[in-house]
Amino acid sequence: MMKKIKGLLNQIFYKTITLWIYSFEDLQLGSNVVFKLMPQILKHKNAKISIGNGSTINSSNYGYHINMFSRCKLFADRSNSIIEIGENTRVHGTCIHAFNKIKIGNNCLIAANTNIIDGNGHELSMDAPENRINTTDNGNPIIIEDNVWIAANCIILGGTRIGKGAIITAASVVKGDVPEKSVFGGNPAKLIKQY
């Protein structure tokens, strides 16, 4: 009985947070988007964050199958940077940081403690490494196509395209092209199996 009451109270709490986030005028949210606890949302005034119909942004450990180290972070930190999350996608305890553009398709599963970041933060500056601290990187877009499953603790780097239906195994570091309907993983990630 107590478990049922706790579950009901959590649902009411999540709905309250979701309604509050829907009041943010600078986010583009489809219908029936669910926020489980409050994500960290950081957005340049000219940037765009959109989340499609029926998607879930989960920052709650309650009922989640692995330990989530931090709440979700959606960070579009440059003028004209873009974060697009498609329909019916589930994002758990993940940082999505766009310098340029990060596009996530429909029906994707992104497990906890994943970092999706399209920039390095700083330029390499090998000609003057002492000046590296004063530089900023412009980012290189990330495209995650429909039906992709990214397991826990992954890092997805700028310039990556993950094809439809691909699976990224846990704790992988991914950069470059991932074929559709493949299993890809490791550090650095490589093709494990192609279907």
Protein backbone atom coordinates (compact mmCIF):
# COMPACT_ATOMS: atom_id res chain seq x y z
CA MET A 1 0.00 0.00 0.00
CA MET A 2 2.80 2.44 0.94
CA LYS A 3 4.61 1.66 -2.32
CA LYS A 4 1.44 2.48 -4.27
CA ILE A 5 0.99 5.78 -2.40
CA LYS A 6 4.65 6.72 -2.94
CA GLY A 7 4.31 5.96 -6.67
CA LEU A 8 1.16 8.11 -6.90
CA LEU A 9 2.86 11.00 -5.07
CA ASN A 10 5.84 10.77 -7.43
CA GLN A 11 3.52 10.93 -10.45
CA ILE A 12 1.80 14.05 -9.05
CA PHE A 13 5.22 15.61 -8.34
CA TYR A 14 6.47 14.85 -11.88
CA LYS A 15 3.30 16.32 -13.42
CA THR A 16 3.75 19.50 -11.37
CA ILE A 17 7.35 19.90 -12.55
CA THR A 18 6.32 19.20 -16.15
CA LEU A 19 3.56 21.85 -16.02
CA TRP A 20 6.02 24.35 -14.60
CA ILE A 21 8.59 23.65 -17.36
CA TYR A 22 5.85 24.03 -20.00
CA SER A 23 5.51 27.63 -18.76
CA PHE A 24 9.08 28.42 -19.93
CA GLU A 25 8.54 30.59 -23.00
CA ASP A 26 11.93 29.93 -24.58
CA LEU A 27 11.58 26.13 -24.86
CA GLN A 28 9.73 24.38 -27.69
CA LEU A 29 7.91 21.41 -26.19
CA GLY A 30 5.60 18.99 -27.96
CA SER A 31 2.58 17.44 -26.27
CA ASN A 32 2.88 14.94 -23.43
CA VAL A 33 6.55 15.59 -22.68
CA VAL A 34 7.38 14.26 -19.18
CA PHE A 35 10.02 15.67 -16.84
CA LYS A 36 10.90 13.43 -13.90
CA LEU A 37 12.45 15.88 -11.46
CA MET A 38 13.90 19.18 -12.61
CA PRO A 39 16.66 19.06 -15.23
CA GLN A 40 19.27 21.78 -15.41
CA ILE A 41 18.34 23.91 -18.43
CA LEU A 42 20.90 26.47 -19.58
CA LYS A 43 20.20 28.33 -22.80
CA HIS A 44 21.64 31.32 -24.63
CA LYS A 45 18.80 33.72 -25.48
CA ASN A 46 19.25 33.06 -29.23
CA ALA A 47 19.69 29.29 -28.92
CA LYS A 48 16.96 26.69 -29.48
CA ILE A 49 15.93 23.70 -27.36
CA SER A 50 13.04 21.57 -28.64
CA ILE A 51 11.64 18.29 -27.33
CA GLY A 52 9.13 16.24 -29.33
CA ASN A 53 5.80 14.70 -28.39
CA GLY A 54 5.81 12.00 -25.73
CA SER A 55 9.49 12.24 -24.80
CA THR A 56 10.76 11.82 -21.24
CA ILE A 57 13.58 13.73 -19.58
CA ASN A 58 14.33 11.74 -16.42
CA SER A 59 16.46 13.14 -13.60
CA SER A 60 15.08 10.82 -10.92
CA ASN A 61 16.74 7.69 -9.55
CA TYR A 62 13.37 6.50 -8.23
CA GLY A 63 12.41 3.37 -10.16
CA TYR A 64 15.38 3.64 -12.54
CA HIS A 65 17.39 0.43 -12.93
CA ILE A 66 20.93 1.82 -12.41
CA ASN A 67 22.39 4.59 -10.28
CA MET A 68 22.07 8.01 -11.88
CA PHE A 69 24.91 10.28 -10.79
CA SER A 70 23.35 13.59 -11.78
CA ARG A 71 20.18 15.10 -13.16
CA CYS A 72 19.77 15.81 -16.86
CA LYS A 73 21.44 18.90 -18.23
CA LEU A 74 20.34 20.60 -21.45
CA PHE A 75 22.94 23.26 -22.29
CA ALA A 76 22.67 25.30 -25.51
CA ASP A 77 25.35 27.81 -24.66
CA ARG A 78 26.07 29.76 -27.84
CA SER A 79 24.06 32.09 -30.02
CA ASN A 80 22.24 29.90 -32.57
CA SER A 81 23.20 26.60 -30.91
CA ILE A 82 20.49 23.95 -31.22
CA ILE A 83 19.35 20.94 -29.20
CA GLU A 84 16.58 18.92 -30.86
CA ILE A 85 15.12 15.82 -29.22
CA GLY A 86 12.59 13.87 -31.27
CA GLU A 87 9.34 12.16 -30.32
CA ASN A 88 8.95 9.31 -27.83
CA THR A 89 12.62 9.49 -26.80
CA ARG A 90 13.80 8.74 -23.27
CA VAL A 91 16.79 10.59 -21.82
CA HIS A 92 17.99 9.57 -18.34
CA GLY A 93 20.53 11.51 -16.27
CA THR A 94 22.40 12.76 -19.35
CA CYS A 95 24.27 15.96 -20.20
CA ILE A 96 23.48 17.30 -23.69
CA HIS A 97 25.77 20.27 -24.36
CA ALA A 98 25.53 21.98 -27.75
CA PHE A 99 28.05 24.54 -28.93
CA ASN A 100 26.70 24.03 -32.44
CA LYS A 101 23.94 21.43 -32.98
CA ILE A 102 22.85 18.17 -31.39
CA LYS A 103 19.92 16.37 -33.00
CA ILE A 104 18.45 13.24 -31.41
CA GLY A 105 15.82 11.31 -33.35
CA ASN A 106 12.56 9.58 -32.45
CA ASN A 107 12.23 6.53 -30.18
CA CYS A 108 15.77 6.78 -28.82
CA LEU A 109 16.90 5.38 -25.47
CA ILE A 110 19.72 7.24 -23.73
CA ALA A 111 20.83 5.72 -20.44
CA ALA A 112 22.15 7.50 -17.37
CA ASN A 113 25.49 9.23 -16.98
CA THR A 114 25.97 9.78 -20.71
CA ASN A 115 27.59 12.97 -22.01
CA ILE A 116 26.70 14.18 -25.50
CA ILE A 117 28.86 17.20 -26.29
CA ASP A 118 29.60 18.56 -29.76
CA GLY A 119 32.60 20.73 -28.84
CA ASN A 120 35.93 20.49 -27.04
CA GLY A 121 35.52 23.70 -25.07
CA HIS A 122 38.88 24.99 -26.28
CA GLU A 123 40.89 24.89 -29.50
CA LEU A 124 43.93 22.61 -29.65
CA SER A 125 46.29 25.60 -30.03
CA MET A 126 49.36 23.44 -30.56
CA ASP A 127 51.19 26.46 -32.02
CA ALA A 128 50.68 28.33 -28.72
CA PRO A 129 49.42 25.95 -25.99
CA GLU A 130 49.92 28.64 -23.34
CA ASN A 131 47.04 30.51 -25.05
CA ARG A 132 44.70 27.47 -25.14
CA ILE A 133 42.95 28.69 -21.99
CA ASN A 134 41.84 31.82 -23.87
CA THR A 135 40.28 29.98 -26.83
CA THR A 136 36.83 28.57 -27.50
CA ASP A 137 35.80 25.79 -29.83
CA ASN A 138 32.88 26.19 -32.26
CA GLY A 139 31.68 22.60 -32.07
CA ASN A 140 30.91 20.02 -34.72
CA PRO A 141 27.29 18.77 -34.99
CA ILE A 142 26.12 15.44 -33.58
CA ILE A 143 23.29 13.55 -35.29
CA ILE A 144 21.67 10.60 -33.49
CA GLU A 145 19.12 9.04 -35.82
CA ASP A 146 15.84 7.27 -34.93
CA ASN A 147 15.64 4.17 -32.71
CA VAL A 148 19.18 4.46 -31.34
CA TRP A 149 19.98 2.94 -27.94
CA ILE A 150 22.90 4.47 -26.04
CA ALA A 151 23.78 2.48 -22.92
CA ALA A 152 25.00 3.99 -19.63
CA ASN A 153 28.15 6.04 -19.07
CA CYS A 154 28.90 6.84 -22.73
CA ILE A 155 30.58 9.90 -24.22
CA ILE A 156 29.39 11.02 -27.66
CA LEU A 157 31.79 13.54 -29.22
CA GLY A 158 31.38 16.24 -31.87
CA GLY A 159 31.27 15.17 -35.50
CA THR A 160 29.45 11.92 -34.70
CA ARG A 161 26.54 10.49 -36.66
CA ILE A 162 24.86 7.39 -35.20
CA GLY A 163 22.76 5.55 -37.78
CA LYS A 164 19.18 4.35 -37.33
CA GLY A 165 18.68 1.45 -34.95
CA ALA A 166 22.31 1.33 -33.77
CA ILE A 167 23.28 0.33 -30.23
CA ILE A 168 26.17 1.96 -28.36
CA THR A 169 27.47 -0.31 -25.59
CA ALA A 170 28.03 0.93 -22.03
CA ALA A 171 31.03 3.15 -21.23
CA SER A 172 31.86 3.78 -24.90
CA VAL A 173 33.59 6.87 -26.29
CA VAL A 174 32.15 7.54 -29.75
CA LYS A 175 33.44 9.83 -32.51
CA GLY A 176 32.71 9.54 -36.22
CA ASP A 177 30.16 7.53 -38.20
CA VAL A 178 28.29 4.61 -36.65
CA PRO A 179 26.51 2.38 -39.21
CA GLU A 180 22.78 1.86 -38.83
CA LYS A 181 21.60 -1.39 -37.18
CA SER A 182 25.01 -2.07 -35.70
CA VAL A 183 26.44 -2.68 -32.24
CA PHE A 184 29.28 -0.24 -31.64
CA GLY A 185 31.37 0.13 -28.51
CA GLY A 186 34.60 0.50 -26.60
CA ASN A 187 37.14 3.28 -26.04
CA PRO A 188 37.62 4.32 -28.75
CA ALA A 189 34.37 2.80 -29.99
CA LYS A 190 34.49 0.45 -32.97
CA LEU A 191 32.13 -1.85 -34.84
CA ILE A 192 31.30 -4.98 -32.84
CA LYS A 193 28.53 -6.44 -35.01
CA GLN A 194 26.61 -5.33 -38.09
CA TYR A 195 23.05 -6.56 -38.64
